[in-house]
Amino acid sequence: PDTALGVHLAGYAVLWETLVAGYAGFRSSPDGVQFNPGLPAGWRFLRF
């Protein structure tokens, strides 16, 4: 109900994480960048 006061940017940051850390399976570690992807059924691609 408080959208008129401003958009919820923190929520959209977590949404970005859902795409990148969730469906693309991204993790950062001392050994480098890691991915274990699992796109939802029907998705053709995810690019970032």
All heavy atoms as atom14 arrays in JSON, in Angstrom:
{
  "sequence": "PDTALGVHLAGYAVLWETLVAGYAGFRSSPDGVQFNPGLPAGWRFLRF",
  "atom14_mask": [
    [1, 1, 1, 1, 1, 1, 1, 0, 0, 0, 0, 0, 0, 0],
    [1, 1, 1, 1, 1, 1, 1, 1, 0, 0, 0, 0, 0, 0],
    [1, 1, 1, 1, 1, 1, 1, 0, 0, 0, 0, 0, 0, 0],
    [1, 1, 1, 1, 1, 0, 0, 0, 0, 0, 0, 0, 0, 0],
    [1, 1, 1, 1, 1, 1, 1, 1, 0, 0, 0, 0, 0, 0],
    [1, 1, 1, 1, 0, 0, 0, 0, 0, 0, 0, 0, 0, 0],
    [1, 1, 1, 1, 1, 1, 1, 0, 0, 0, 0, 0, 0, 0],
    [1, 1, 1, 1, 1, 1, 1, 1, 1, 1, 0, 0, 0, 0],
    [1, 1, 1, 1, 1, 1, 1, 1, 0, 0, 0, 0, 0, 0],
    [1, 1, 1, 1, 1, 0, 0, 0, 0, 0, 0, 0, 0, 0],
    [1, 1, 1, 1, 0, 0, 0, 0, 0, 0, 0, 0, 0, 0],
    [1, 1, 1, 1, 1, 1, 1, 1, 1, 1, 1, 1, 0, 0],
    [1, 1, 1, 1, 1, 0, 0, 0, 0, 0, 0, 0, 0, 0],
    [1, 1, 1, 1, 1, 1, 1, 0, 0, 0, 0, 0, 0, 0],
    [1, 1, 1, 1, 1, 1, 1, 1, 0, 0, 0, 0, 0, 0],
    [1, 1, 1, 1, 1, 1, 1, 1, 1, 1, 1, 1, 1, 1],
    [1, 1, 1, 1, 1, 1, 1, 1, 1, 0, 0, 0, 0, 0],
    [1, 1, 1, 1, 1, 1, 1, 0, 0, 0, 0, 0, 0, 0],
    [1, 1, 1, 1, 1, 1, 1, 1, 0, 0, 0, 0, 0, 0],
    [1, 1, 1, 1, 1, 1, 1, 0, 0, 0, 0, 0, 0, 0],
    [1, 1, 1, 1, 1, 0, 0, 0, 0, 0, 0, 0, 0, 0],
    [1, 1, 1, 1, 0, 0, 0, 0, 0, 0, 0, 0, 0, 0],
    [1, 1, 1, 1, 1, 1, 1, 1, 1, 1, 1, 1, 0, 0],
    [1, 1, 1, 1, 1, 0, 0, 0, 0, 0, 0, 0, 0, 0],
    [1, 1, 1, 1, 0, 0, 0, 0, 0, 0, 0, 0, 0, 0],
    [1, 1, 1, 1, 1, 1, 1, 1, 1, 1, 1, 0, 0, 0],
    [1, 1, 1, 1, 1, 1, 1, 1, 1, 1, 1, 0, 0, 0],
    [1, 1, 1, 1, 1, 1, 0, 0, 0, 0, 0, 0, 0, 0],
    [1, 1, 1, 1, 1, 1, 0, 0, 0, 0, 0, 0, 0, 0],
    [1, 1, 1, 1, 1, 1, 1, 0, 0, 0, 0, 0, 0, 0],
    [1, 1, 1, 1, 1, 1, 1, 1, 0, 0, 0, 0, 0, 0],
    [1, 1, 1, 1, 0, 0, 0, 0, 0, 0, 0, 0, 0, 0],
    [1, 1, 1, 1, 1, 1, 1, 0, 0, 0, 0, 0, 0, 0],
    [1, 1, 1, 1, 1, 1, 1, 1, 1, 0, 0, 0, 0, 0],
    [1, 1, 1, 1, 1, 1, 1, 1, 1, 1, 1, 0, 0, 0],
    [1, 1, 1, 1, 1, 1, 1, 1, 0, 0, 0, 0, 0, 0],
    [1, 1, 1, 1, 1, 1, 1, 0, 0, 0, 0, 0, 0, 0],
    [1, 1, 1, 1, 0, 0, 0, 0, 0, 0, 0, 0, 0, 0],
    [1, 1, 1, 1, 1, 1, 1, 1, 0, 0, 0, 0, 0, 0],
    [1, 1, 1, 1, 1, 1, 1, 0, 0, 0, 0, 0, 0, 0],
    [1, 1, 1, 1, 1, 0, 0, 0, 0, 0, 0, 0, 0, 0],
    [1, 1, 1, 1, 0, 0, 0, 0, 0, 0, 0, 0, 0, 0],
    [1, 1, 1, 1, 1, 1, 1, 1, 1, 1, 1, 1, 1, 1],
    [1, 1, 1, 1, 1, 1, 1, 1, 1, 1, 1, 0, 0, 0],
    [1, 1, 1, 1, 1, 1, 1, 1, 1, 1, 1, 0, 0, 0],
    [1, 1, 1, 1, 1, 1, 1, 1, 0, 0, 0, 0, 0, 0],
    [1, 1, 1, 1, 1, 1, 1, 1, 1, 1, 1, 0, 0, 0],
    [1, 1, 1, 1, 1, 1, 1, 1, 1, 1, 1, 0, 0, 0]
  ],
  "atom14_positions": [
    [[0.8, -1.23, 0.0], [0.0, 0.0, 0.0], [0.83, 1.28, 0.0], [0.28, 2.37, -0.14], [-0.81, -0.12, 1.3], [0.05, -0.96, 2.2], [0.72, -1.95, 1.29], [0.0, 0.0, 0.0], [0.0, 0.0, 0.0], [0.0, 0.0, 0.0], [0.0, 0.0, 0.0], [0.0, 0.0, 0.0], [0.0, 0.0, 0.0], [0.0, 0.0, 0.0]],
    [[2.17, 1.15, 0.15], [3.01, 2.35, 0.25], [3.81, 2.61, -1.02], [4.79, 3.34, -1.0], [3.97, 2.23, 1.44], [4.75, 0.92, 1.44], [4.57, 0.12, 0.5], [5.55, 0.72, 2.38], [0.0, 0.0, 0.0], [0.0, 0.0, 0.0], [0.0, 0.0, 0.0], [0.0, 0.0, 0.0], [0.0, 0.0, 0.0], [0.0, 0.0, 0.0]],
    [[3.37, 2.05, -2.15], [4.1, 2.24, -3.4], [4.21, 3.71, -3.78], [5.22, 4.14, -4.35], [3.41, 1.45, -4.54], [3.56, 0.06, -4.28], [4.03, 1.77, -5.89], [0.0, 0.0, 0.0], [0.0, 0.0, 0.0], [0.0, 0.0, 0.0], [0.0, 0.0, 0.0], [0.0, 0.0, 0.0], [0.0, 0.0, 0.0], [0.0, 0.0, 0.0]],
    [[3.2, 4.5, -3.44], [3.23, 5.92, -3.78], [4.4, 6.65, -3.13], [4.82, 7.71, -3.61], [1.91, 6.58, -3.36], [0.0, 0.0, 0.0], [0.0, 0.0, 0.0], [0.0, 0.0, 0.0], [0.0, 0.0, 0.0], [0.0, 0.0, 0.0], [0.0, 0.0, 0.0], [0.0, 0.0, 0.0], [0.0, 0.0, 0.0], [0.0, 0.0, 0.0]],
    [[4.95, 6.07, -2.08], [6.08, 6.7, -1.39], [7.41, 6.35, -2.03], [8.44, 6.91, -1.65], [6.09, 6.28, 0.08], [4.83, 6.61, 0.88], [4.94, 6.06, 2.29], [4.61, 8.12, 0.9], [0.0, 0.0, 0.0], [0.0, 0.0, 0.0], [0.0, 0.0, 0.0], [0.0, 0.0, 0.0], [0.0, 0.0, 0.0], [0.0, 0.0, 0.0]],
    [[7.43, 5.38, -2.96], [8.68, 4.98, -3.6], [8.69, 3.49, -3.88], [8.04, 2.72, -3.17], [0.0, 0.0, 0.0], [0.0, 0.0, 0.0], [0.0, 0.0, 0.0], [0.0, 0.0, 0.0], [0.0, 0.0, 0.0], [0.0, 0.0, 0.0], [0.0, 0.0, 0.0], [0.0, 0.0, 0.0], [0.0, 0.0, 0.0], [0.0, 0.0, 0.0]],
    [[9.42, 3.11, -4.92], [9.46, 1.7, -5.29], [10.34, 0.93, -4.31], [11.19, 1.49, -3.62], [9.99, 1.51, -6.73], [9.06, 2.18, -7.72], [11.41, 2.06, -6.87], [0.0, 0.0, 0.0], [0.0, 0.0, 0.0], [0.0, 0.0, 0.0], [0.0, 0.0, 0.0], [0.0, 0.0, 0.0], [0.0, 0.0, 0.0], [0.0, 0.0, 0.0]],
    [[10.14, -0.38, -4.27], [10.81, -1.25, -3.3], [12.08, -1.83, -3.93], [12.12, -2.97, -4.38], [9.86, -2.35, -2.84], [8.7, -1.8, -2.07], [7.59, -1.25, -2.67], [8.48, -1.71, -0.73], [6.73, -0.86, -1.74], [7.25, -1.13, -0.55], [0.0, 0.0, 0.0], [0.0, 0.0, 0.0], [0.0, 0.0, 0.0], [0.0, 0.0, 0.0]],
    [[13.13, -1.03, -3.95], [14.36, -1.41, -4.64], [15.02, -2.63, -4.03], [15.62, -3.43, -4.74], [15.34, -0.23, -4.66], [14.97, 0.94, -5.58], [16.03, 2.03, -5.49], [14.83, 0.47, -7.02], [0.0, 0.0, 0.0], [0.0, 0.0, 0.0], [0.0, 0.0, 0.0], [0.0, 0.0, 0.0], [0.0, 0.0, 0.0], [0.0, 0.0, 0.0]],
    [[14.97, -2.76, -2.72], [15.61, -3.92, -2.08], [14.98, -5.21, -2.58], [15.67, -6.2, -2.83], [15.5, -3.83, -0.57], [0.0, 0.0, 0.0], [0.0, 0.0, 0.0], [0.0, 0.0, 0.0], [0.0, 0.0, 0.0], [0.0, 0.0, 0.0], [0.0, 0.0, 0.0], [0.0, 0.0, 0.0], [0.0, 0.0, 0.0], [0.0, 0.0, 0.0]],
    [[13.66, -5.2, -2.77], [12.98, -6.38, -3.29], [13.43, -6.71, -4.7], [13.6, -7.88, -5.05], [0.0, 0.0, 0.0], [0.0, 0.0, 0.0], [0.0, 0.0, 0.0], [0.0, 0.0, 0.0], [0.0, 0.0, 0.0], [0.0, 0.0, 0.0], [0.0, 0.0, 0.0], [0.0, 0.0, 0.0], [0.0, 0.0, 0.0], [0.0, 0.0, 0.0]],
    [[13.66, -5.68, -5.51], [14.1, -5.93, -6.88], [15.54, -6.43, -6.92], [15.93, -7.17, -7.83], [13.93, -4.67, -7.73], [12.49, -4.21, -7.8], [12.14, -2.88, -7.61], [11.47, -5.14, -8.0], [10.82, -2.48, -7.64], [10.15, -4.74, -8.04], [9.82, -3.41, -7.86], [8.51, -3.03, -7.89], [0.0, 0.0, 0.0], [0.0, 0.0, 0.0]],
    [[16.34, -6.05, -5.94], [17.7, -6.59, -5.84], [17.65, -8.09, -5.57], [18.4, -8.86, -6.17], [18.47, -5.87, -4.74], [0.0, 0.0, 0.0], [0.0, 0.0, 0.0], [0.0, 0.0, 0.0], [0.0, 0.0, 0.0], [0.0, 0.0, 0.0], [0.0, 0.0, 0.0], [0.0, 0.0, 0.0], [0.0, 0.0, 0.0], [0.0, 0.0, 0.0]],
    [[16.74, -8.51, -4.69], [16.6, -9.94, -4.41], [16.03, -10.66, -5.63], [16.38, -11.81, -5.91], [15.71, -10.17, -3.16], [15.55, -11.65, -2.88], [16.31, -9.46, -1.96], [0.0, 0.0, 0.0], [0.0, 0.0, 0.0], [0.0, 0.0, 0.0], [0.0, 0.0, 0.0], [0.0, 0.0, 0.0], [0.0, 0.0, 0.0], [0.0, 0.0, 0.0]],
    [[15.16, -9.98, -6.38], [14.63, -10.57, -7.61], [15.75, -10.81, -8.61], [15.78, -11.84, -9.29], [13.57, -9.64, -8.21], [12.8, -10.16, -9.43], [12.04, -11.42, -9.07], [11.85, -9.09, -9.95], [0.0, 0.0, 0.0], [0.0, 0.0, 0.0], [0.0, 0.0, 0.0], [0.0, 0.0, 0.0], [0.0, 0.0, 0.0], [0.0, 0.0, 0.0]],
    [[16.69, -9.87, -8.72], [17.87, -10.06, -9.58], [18.66, -11.27, -9.11], [19.12, -12.09, -9.92], [18.74, -8.8, -9.56], [19.94, -8.87, -10.45], [20.02, -8.49, -11.76], [21.26, -9.32, -10.1], [21.28, -8.69, -12.24], [22.06, -9.2, -11.25], [21.82, -9.83, -8.94], [23.41, -9.55, -11.25], [23.16, -10.19, -8.94], [23.94, -10.05, -10.09]],
    [[18.79, -11.41, -7.8], [19.49, -12.58, -7.26], [18.76, -13.88, -7.63], [19.39, -14.91, -7.85], [19.59, -12.48, -5.74], [20.7, -11.59, -5.24], [20.91, -11.8, -3.75], [20.11, -11.27, -2.95], [21.86, -12.52, -3.38], [0.0, 0.0, 0.0], [0.0, 0.0, 0.0], [0.0, 0.0, 0.0], [0.0, 0.0, 0.0], [0.0, 0.0, 0.0]],
    [[17.43, -13.83, -7.67], [16.66, -15.02, -8.04], [17.05, -15.48, -9.43], [17.23, -16.68, -9.68], [15.16, -14.72, -7.98], [14.82, -14.3, -6.66], [14.34, -15.95, -8.33], [0.0, 0.0, 0.0], [0.0, 0.0, 0.0], [0.0, 0.0, 0.0], [0.0, 0.0, 0.0], [0.0, 0.0, 0.0], [0.0, 0.0, 0.0], [0.0, 0.0, 0.0]],
    [[17.21, -14.54, -10.35], [17.6, -14.87, -11.72], [19.03, -15.38, -11.78], [19.33, -16.41, -12.39], [17.43, -13.65, -12.63], [16.02, -13.1, -12.77], [16.05, -11.77, -13.51], [15.12, -14.09, -13.48], [0.0, 0.0, 0.0], [0.0, 0.0, 0.0], [0.0, 0.0, 0.0], [0.0, 0.0, 0.0], [0.0, 0.0, 0.0], [0.0, 0.0, 0.0]],
    [[19.94, -14.64, -11.14], [21.37, -14.89, -11.31], [21.87, -15.98, -10.36], [22.54, -16.94, -10.79], [22.16, -13.58, -11.11], [23.66, -13.84, -11.14], [21.77, -12.56, -12.18], [0.0, 0.0, 0.0], [0.0, 0.0, 0.0], [0.0, 0.0, 0.0], [0.0, 0.0, 0.0], [0.0, 0.0, 0.0], [0.0, 0.0, 0.0], [0.0, 0.0, 0.0]],
    [[21.57, -15.86, -9.08], [22.03, -16.85, -8.1], [21.1, -18.05, -8.04], [21.5, -19.13, -7.6], [22.16, -16.21, -6.72], [0.0, 0.0, 0.0], [0.0, 0.0, 0.0], [0.0, 0.0, 0.0], [0.0, 0.0, 0.0], [0.0, 0.0, 0.0], [0.0, 0.0, 0.0], [0.0, 0.0, 0.0], [0.0, 0.0, 0.0], [0.0, 0.0, 0.0]],
    [[19.84, -17.86, -8.48], [18.89, -18.95, -8.46], [18.9, -19.75, -9.75], [19.47, -20.84, -9.81], [0.0, 0.0, 0.0], [0.0, 0.0, 0.0], [0.0, 0.0, 0.0], [0.0, 0.0, 0.0], [0.0, 0.0, 0.0], [0.0, 0.0, 0.0], [0.0, 0.0, 0.0], [0.0, 0.0, 0.0], [0.0, 0.0, 0.0], [0.0, 0.0, 0.0]],
    [[18.31, -19.21, -10.82], [18.17, -19.97, -12.06], [19.5, -20.18, -12.79], [19.69, -21.21, -13.44], [17.19, -19.26, -12.99], [15.84, -19.02, -12.36], [15.11, -17.87, -12.62], [15.28, -19.96, -11.48], [13.88, -17.65, -12.03], [14.06, -19.74, -10.89], [13.36, -18.58, -11.16], [12.14, -18.36, -10.57], [0.0, 0.0, 0.0], [0.0, 0.0, 0.0]],
    [[20.43, -19.22, -12.67], [21.75, -19.42, -13.28], [22.72, -20.12, -12.34], [23.78, -20.57, -12.76], [22.35, -18.08, -13.72], [0.0, 0.0, 0.0], [0.0, 0.0, 0.0], [0.0, 0.0, 0.0], [0.0, 0.0, 0.0], [0.0, 0.0, 0.0], [0.0, 0.0, 0.0], [0.0, 0.0, 0.0], [0.0, 0.0, 0.0], [0.0, 0.0, 0.0]],
    [[22.36, -20.23, -11.07], [23.19, -20.95, -10.11], [24.53, -20.31, -9.84], [25.52, -20.99, -9.58], [0.0, 0.0, 0.0], [0.0, 0.0, 0.0], [0.0, 0.0, 0.0], [0.0, 0.0, 0.0], [0.0, 0.0, 0.0], [0.0, 0.0, 0.0], [0.0, 0.0, 0.0], [0.0, 0.0, 0.0], [0.0, 0.0, 0.0], [0.0, 0.0, 0.0]],
    [[24.59, -18.98, -9.87], [25.87, -18.27, -9.67], [26.29, -18.27, -8.21], [25.48, -18.05, -7.32], [25.74, -16.83, -10.16], [26.86, -15.94, -9.71], [28.1, -16.01, -10.32], [26.68, -15.03, -8.67], [29.14, -15.17, -9.9], [27.7, -14.2, -8.26], [28.94, -14.27, -8.87], [0.0, 0.0, 0.0], [0.0, 0.0, 0.0], [0.0, 0.0, 0.0]],
    [[27.56, -18.56, -7.99], [28.19, -18.39, -6.68], [29.6, -17.86, -6.88], [30.28, -18.23, -7.83], [28.25, -19.72, -5.91], [26.93, -20.18, -5.38], [27.02, -21.52, -4.67], [27.78, -21.44, -3.42], [28.0, -22.47, -2.61], [27.51, -23.66, -2.93], [28.69, -22.33, -1.51], [0.0, 0.0, 0.0], [0.0, 0.0, 0.0], [0.0, 0.0, 0.0]],
    [[30.01, -16.98, -6.0], [31.36, -16.46, -6.02], [32.15, -17.08, -4.89], [31.65, -17.21, -3.77], [31.35, -14.93, -5.87], [32.66, -14.42, -5.82], [0.0, 0.0, 0.0], [0.0, 0.0, 0.0], [0.0, 0.0, 0.0], [0.0, 0.0, 0.0], [0.0, 0.0, 0.0], [0.0, 0.0, 0.0], [0.0, 0.0, 0.0], [0.0, 0.0, 0.0]],
    [[33.38, -17.48, -5.18], [34.2, -18.11, -4.15], [35.65, -17.7, -4.37], [35.99, -17.14, -5.42], [34.09, -19.63, -4.23], [34.83, -20.14, -5.32], [0.0, 0.0, 0.0], [0.0, 0.0, 0.0], [0.0, 0.0, 0.0], [0.0, 0.0, 0.0], [0.0, 0.0, 0.0], [0.0, 0.0, 0.0], [0.0, 0.0, 0.0], [0.0, 0.0, 0.0]],
    [[36.52, -17.96, -3.41], [37.94, -17.66, -3.61], [38.54, -18.36, -4.82], [39.56, -17.93, -5.37], [38.59, -18.14, -2.31], [37.5, -18.08, -1.3], [36.25, -18.44, -2.05], [0.0, 0.0, 0.0], [0.0, 0.0, 0.0], [0.0, 0.0, 0.0], [0.0, 0.0, 0.0], [0.0, 0.0, 0.0], [0.0, 0.0, 0.0], [0.0, 0.0, 0.0]],
    [[37.9, -19.45, -5.25], [38.43, -20.21, -6.39], [37.93, -19.69, -7.73], [38.37, -20.17, -8.77], [38.03, -21.69, -6.26], [38.63, -22.31, -5.0], [39.77, -21.93, -4.65], [37.96, -23.15, -4.39], [0.0, 0.0, 0.0], [0.0, 0.0, 0.0], [0.0, 0.0, 0.0], [0.0, 0.0, 0.0], [0.0, 0.0, 0.0], [0.0, 0.0, 0.0]],
    [[37.01, -18.74, -7.72], [36.52, -18.18, -8.98], [35.01, -18.11, -9.01], [34.33, -18.21, -7.99], [0.0, 0.0, 0.0], [0.0, 0.0, 0.0], [0.0, 0.0, 0.0], [0.0, 0.0, 0.0], [0.0, 0.0, 0.0], [0.0, 0.0, 0.0], [0.0, 0.0, 0.0], [0.0, 0.0, 0.0], [0.0, 0.0, 0.0], [0.0, 0.0, 0.0]],
    [[34.5, -17.93, -10.22], [33.07, -17.82, -10.45], [32.5, -19.21, -10.73], [33.08, -19.98, -11.5], [32.78, -16.88, -11.63], [31.29, -16.78, -11.91], [33.35, -15.49, -11.34], [0.0, 0.0, 0.0], [0.0, 0.0, 0.0], [0.0, 0.0, 0.0], [0.0, 0.0, 0.0], [0.0, 0.0, 0.0], [0.0, 0.0, 0.0], [0.0, 0.0, 0.0]],
    [[31.36, -19.54, -10.13], [30.75, -20.85, -10.31], [29.3, -20.71, -10.78], [28.6, -19.78, -10.36], [30.76, -21.63, -8.99], [32.14, -21.83, -8.39], [32.08, -22.56, -7.06], [31.14, -23.3, -6.79], [33.07, -22.35, -6.22], [0.0, 0.0, 0.0], [0.0, 0.0, 0.0], [0.0, 0.0, 0.0], [0.0, 0.0, 0.0], [0.0, 0.0, 0.0]],
    [[28.89, -21.65, -11.64], [27.51, -21.68, -12.1], [26.99, -23.12, -12.09], [27.71, -24.04, -12.49], [27.39, -21.14, -13.54], [27.7, -19.67, -13.67], [28.99, -19.25, -13.98], [26.72, -18.71, -13.47], [29.29, -17.91, -14.1], [27.01, -17.36, -13.59], [28.3, -16.96, -13.91], [0.0, 0.0, 0.0], [0.0, 0.0, 0.0], [0.0, 0.0, 0.0]],
    [[25.76, -23.28, -11.62], [25.05, -24.56, -11.7], [23.63, -24.22, -12.15], [22.71, -24.13, -11.34], [25.04, -25.28, -10.35], [26.37, -25.91, -10.03], [26.71, -26.97, -10.55], [27.15, -25.26, -9.17], [0.0, 0.0, 0.0], [0.0, 0.0, 0.0], [0.0, 0.0, 0.0], [0.0, 0.0, 0.0], [0.0, 0.0, 0.0], [0.0, 0.0, 0.0]],
    [[23.44, -24.0, -13.47], [22.18, -23.45, -13.95], [21.03, -24.45, -13.94], [21.24, -25.67, -14.04], [22.52, -23.04, -15.39], [23.65, -23.95, -15.78], [24.44, -24.18, -14.53], [0.0, 0.0, 0.0], [0.0, 0.0, 0.0], [0.0, 0.0, 0.0], [0.0, 0.0, 0.0], [0.0, 0.0, 0.0], [0.0, 0.0, 0.0], [0.0, 0.0, 0.0]],
    [[19.84, -23.9, -13.81], [18.62, -24.69, -13.9], [17.48, -23.79, -14.32], [16.72, -23.3, -13.48], [0.0, 0.0, 0.0], [0.0, 0.0, 0.0], [0.0, 0.0, 0.0], [0.0, 0.0, 0.0], [0.0, 0.0, 0.0], [0.0, 0.0, 0.0], [0.0, 0.0, 0.0], [0.0, 0.0, 0.0], [0.0, 0.0, 0.0], [0.0, 0.0, 0.0]],
    [[17.37, -23.52, -15.62], [16.33, -22.61, -16.11], [14.95, -23.22, -15.91], [14.76, -24.43, -16.03], [16.52, -22.33, -17.6], [17.66, -21.41, -18.02], [17.61, -21.17, -19.53], [17.6, -20.08, -17.28], [0.0, 0.0, 0.0], [0.0, 0.0, 0.0], [0.0, 0.0, 0.0], [0.0, 0.0, 0.0], [0.0, 0.0, 0.0], [0.0, 0.0, 0.0]],
    [[13.97, -22.38, -15.62], [12.59, -22.88, -15.55], [12.15, -23.45, -16.9], [12.62, -23.01, -17.96], [11.78, -21.62, -15.19], [12.77, -20.7, -14.54], [14.07, -20.95, -15.24], [0.0, 0.0, 0.0], [0.0, 0.0, 0.0], [0.0, 0.0, 0.0], [0.0, 0.0, 0.0], [0.0, 0.0, 0.0], [0.0, 0.0, 0.0], [0.0, 0.0, 0.0]],
    [[11.26, -24.43, -16.86], [10.75, -25.04, -18.09], [10.1, -23.97, -18.97], [9.35, -23.13, -18.48], [9.74, -26.13, -17.74], [0.0, 0.0, 0.0], [0.0, 0.0, 0.0], [0.0, 0.0, 0.0], [0.0, 0.0, 0.0], [0.0, 0.0, 0.0], [0.0, 0.0, 0.0], [0.0, 0.0, 0.0], [0.0, 0.0, 0.0], [0.0, 0.0, 0.0]],
    [[10.44, -24.01, -20.25], [9.86, -23.06, -21.19], [10.69, -21.82, -21.42], [10.44, -21.07, -22.37], [0.0, 0.0, 0.0], [0.0, 0.0, 0.0], [0.0, 0.0, 0.0], [0.0, 0.0, 0.0], [0.0, 0.0, 0.0], [0.0, 0.0, 0.0], [0.0, 0.0, 0.0], [0.0, 0.0, 0.0], [0.0, 0.0, 0.0], [0.0, 0.0, 0.0]],
    [[11.67, -21.55, -20.55], [12.53, -20.38, -20.74], [13.56, -20.69, -21.83], [14.22, -21.73, -21.8], [13.24, -20.03, -19.45], [12.37, -19.34, -18.45], [11.04, -19.55, -18.23], [12.78, -18.34, -17.51], [10.59, -18.76, -17.22], [11.63, -18.0, -16.75], [13.99, -17.72, -17.22], [11.66, -17.04, -15.74], [14.02, -16.78, -16.21], [12.88, -16.43, -15.48]],
    [[13.72, -19.79, -22.78], [14.66, -20.0, -23.88], [16.08, -19.54, -23.52], [17.05, -20.13, -23.97], [14.18, -19.28, -25.13], [12.88, -19.88, -25.68], [12.47, -19.21, -26.99], [12.1, -17.82, -26.77], [12.75, -16.78, -27.28], [13.81, -16.97, -28.02], [12.34, -15.55, -27.04], [0.0, 0.0, 0.0], [0.0, 0.0, 0.0], [0.0, 0.0, 0.0]],
    [[16.18, -18.47, -22.75], [17.52, -18.02, -22.36], [17.42, -17.04, -21.2], [16.35, -16.49, -20.91], [18.24, -17.35, -23.54], [17.68, -16.01, -23.93], [18.18, -14.83, -23.38], [16.64, -15.92, -24.85], [17.66, -13.6, -23.73], [16.11, -14.7, -25.21], [16.62, -13.53, -24.64], [0.0, 0.0, 0.0], [0.0, 0.0, 0.0], [0.0, 0.0, 0.0]],
    [[18.56, -16.85, -20.55], [18.72, -15.85, -19.49], [20.08, -15.21, -19.72], [21.09, -15.92, -19.78], [18.65, -16.51, -18.11], [19.0, -15.64, -16.89], [18.05, -14.46, -16.76], [18.98, -16.48, -15.62], [0.0, 0.0, 0.0], [0.0, 0.0, 0.0], [0.0, 0.0, 0.0], [0.0, 0.0, 0.0], [0.0, 0.0, 0.0], [0.0, 0.0, 0.0]],
    [[20.13, -13.89, -19.87], [21.39, -13.22, -20.19], [21.6, -12.06, -19.23], [20.69, -11.28, -18.97], [21.38, -12.72, -21.63], [22.71, -12.11, -22.1], [22.64, -11.68, -23.56], [22.36, -12.82, -24.42], [21.31, -12.87, -25.25], [20.45, -11.87, -25.3], [21.13, -13.93, -26.02], [0.0, 0.0, 0.0], [0.0, 0.0, 0.0], [0.0, 0.0, 0.0]],
    [[22.81, -11.95, -18.69], [23.13, -10.88, -17.75], [24.63, -10.66, -17.74], [25.41, -11.46, -18.28], [22.63, -11.22, -16.34], [23.16, -12.53, -15.81], [24.35, -12.59, -15.1], [22.46, -13.71, -16.03], [24.84, -13.81, -14.62], [22.93, -14.93, -15.56], [24.12, -14.97, -14.86], [0.0, 0.0, 0.0], [0.0, 0.0, 0.0], [0.0, 0.0, 0.0]]
  ]
}
